[in-house]
Protein backbone atom coordinates (compact mmCIF):
# COMPACT_ATOMS: atom_id res chain seq x y z
CA MET A 1 57.13 39.00 -45.40
CA THR A 2 60.12 40.33 -43.51
CA ALA A 3 58.68 39.04 -40.25
CA SER A 4 58.31 35.60 -41.78
CA PHE A 5 61.96 35.59 -42.80
CA GLN A 6 63.06 36.77 -39.36
CA LEU A 7 60.91 34.16 -37.62
CA GLY A 8 62.56 31.50 -39.77
CA MET A 9 66.00 32.81 -38.81
CA MET A 10 65.02 32.80 -35.14
CA ALA A 11 63.47 29.34 -35.23
CA GLY A 12 66.43 27.80 -36.99
CA GLN A 13 69.33 29.10 -34.89
CA VAL A 14 69.49 26.27 -32.34
CA PRO A 15 68.62 23.34 -34.66
CA VAL A 16 71.01 24.50 -37.38
CA GLY A 17 73.73 25.10 -34.80
CA ALA A 18 73.28 21.56 -33.49
CA PHE A 19 73.36 20.25 -37.07
CA MET A 20 76.60 22.14 -37.74
CA ASP A 21 78.19 20.78 -34.57
CA ARG A 22 77.21 17.25 -35.57
CA VAL A 23 78.34 17.25 -39.23
CA GLY A 24 81.09 19.88 -39.22
CA THR A 25 81.46 23.29 -40.78
CA ARG A 26 82.26 22.35 -44.36
CA ILE A 27 79.49 19.79 -44.80
CA GLY A 28 77.08 22.02 -42.89
CA LEU A 29 77.82 25.05 -45.07
CA ALA A 30 77.42 22.94 -48.20
CA ALA A 31 74.03 21.73 -46.95
CA ILE A 32 72.98 25.29 -46.09
CA PHE A 33 73.94 26.63 -49.50
CA ILE A 34 72.17 23.78 -51.30
CA ALA A 35 69.00 24.32 -49.26
CA TRP A 36 69.31 28.08 -49.71
CA SER A 37 69.58 27.67 -53.48
CA ILE A 38 66.61 25.32 -53.70
CA VAL A 39 64.39 27.55 -51.58
CA GLY A 40 65.57 30.64 -53.48
CA GLY A 41 64.65 29.02 -56.78
CA ALA A 42 61.30 27.92 -55.40
CA HIS A 43 60.36 31.57 -54.92
CA ALA A 44 59.77 31.73 -58.66
CA LEU A 45 57.13 29.01 -58.32
CA ALA A 46 55.22 30.61 -55.45
CA SER A 47 51.56 31.13 -56.18
CA GLY A 48 49.96 33.70 -53.98
CA LEU A 49 50.98 35.63 -50.93
CA MET A 50 50.84 32.74 -48.43
CA GLY A 51 53.08 30.57 -50.59
CA PHE A 52 55.60 33.38 -50.84
CA VAL A 53 55.46 34.02 -47.08
CA ALA A 54 56.03 30.31 -46.41
CA LEU A 55 59.02 30.32 -48.73
CA ARG A 56 60.43 33.39 -46.97
CA PHE A 57 60.16 31.46 -43.68
CA LEU A 58 62.02 28.53 -45.26
CA MET A 59 64.61 30.94 -46.62
CA GLY A 60 65.23 32.20 -43.09
CA LEU A 61 65.57 28.61 -41.87
CA SER A 62 68.03 27.73 -44.60
CA GLU A 63 70.10 30.89 -44.23
CA CYS A 64 70.36 31.19 -40.45
CA GLY A 65 73.54 29.17 -39.91
CA SER A 66 75.61 30.63 -42.71
CA ASN A 67 76.80 33.84 -41.06
CA LYS A 68 78.25 32.31 -37.91
CA GLU A 69 79.75 29.32 -39.67
CA MET A 70 81.41 31.42 -42.37
CA LEU A 71 83.10 33.45 -39.64
CA ILE A 72 84.33 30.23 -38.05
CA GLU A 73 85.49 28.71 -41.34
CA SER A 74 87.26 31.70 -42.91
CA PRO A 75 90.43 31.63 -40.75
CA GLU A 76 90.91 27.98 -41.73
CA GLN A 77 91.15 28.84 -45.41
CA PRO A 78 94.54 28.83 -47.17
CA HIS A 79 94.48 32.57 -47.94
CA CYS A 80 95.79 33.32 -44.43
CA PRO A 81 99.56 33.84 -44.70
CA SER A 82 100.71 32.64 -41.29
CA PRO A 83 99.30 31.32 -38.00
CA GLU A 84 100.14 34.60 -36.28
CA LEU A 85 98.03 36.59 -38.74
CA ARG A 86 95.05 34.21 -38.88
CA ARG A 87 93.11 36.22 -36.33
CA PHE A 88 93.02 39.06 -38.89
CA CYS A 89 91.91 36.92 -41.85
């Protein structure tokens, strides 16, 4: 199951990165979190091991872009006090 998740993360890095570059960080993160929520909820409906493994793969696909994009987006948020300190936010 863990390998399925990791394969999904690996398979989705380039396509999700291209998607994020095309639509922008905010829309891309919203799409990722919507997909992540739908796939996470679908885990409750999985019947059998193979269904659960397939959903873990989809979870990896839907989650793979969130880490990098959140690091890019966080300095742009209004909680940063000044431009000089944004590198620390």
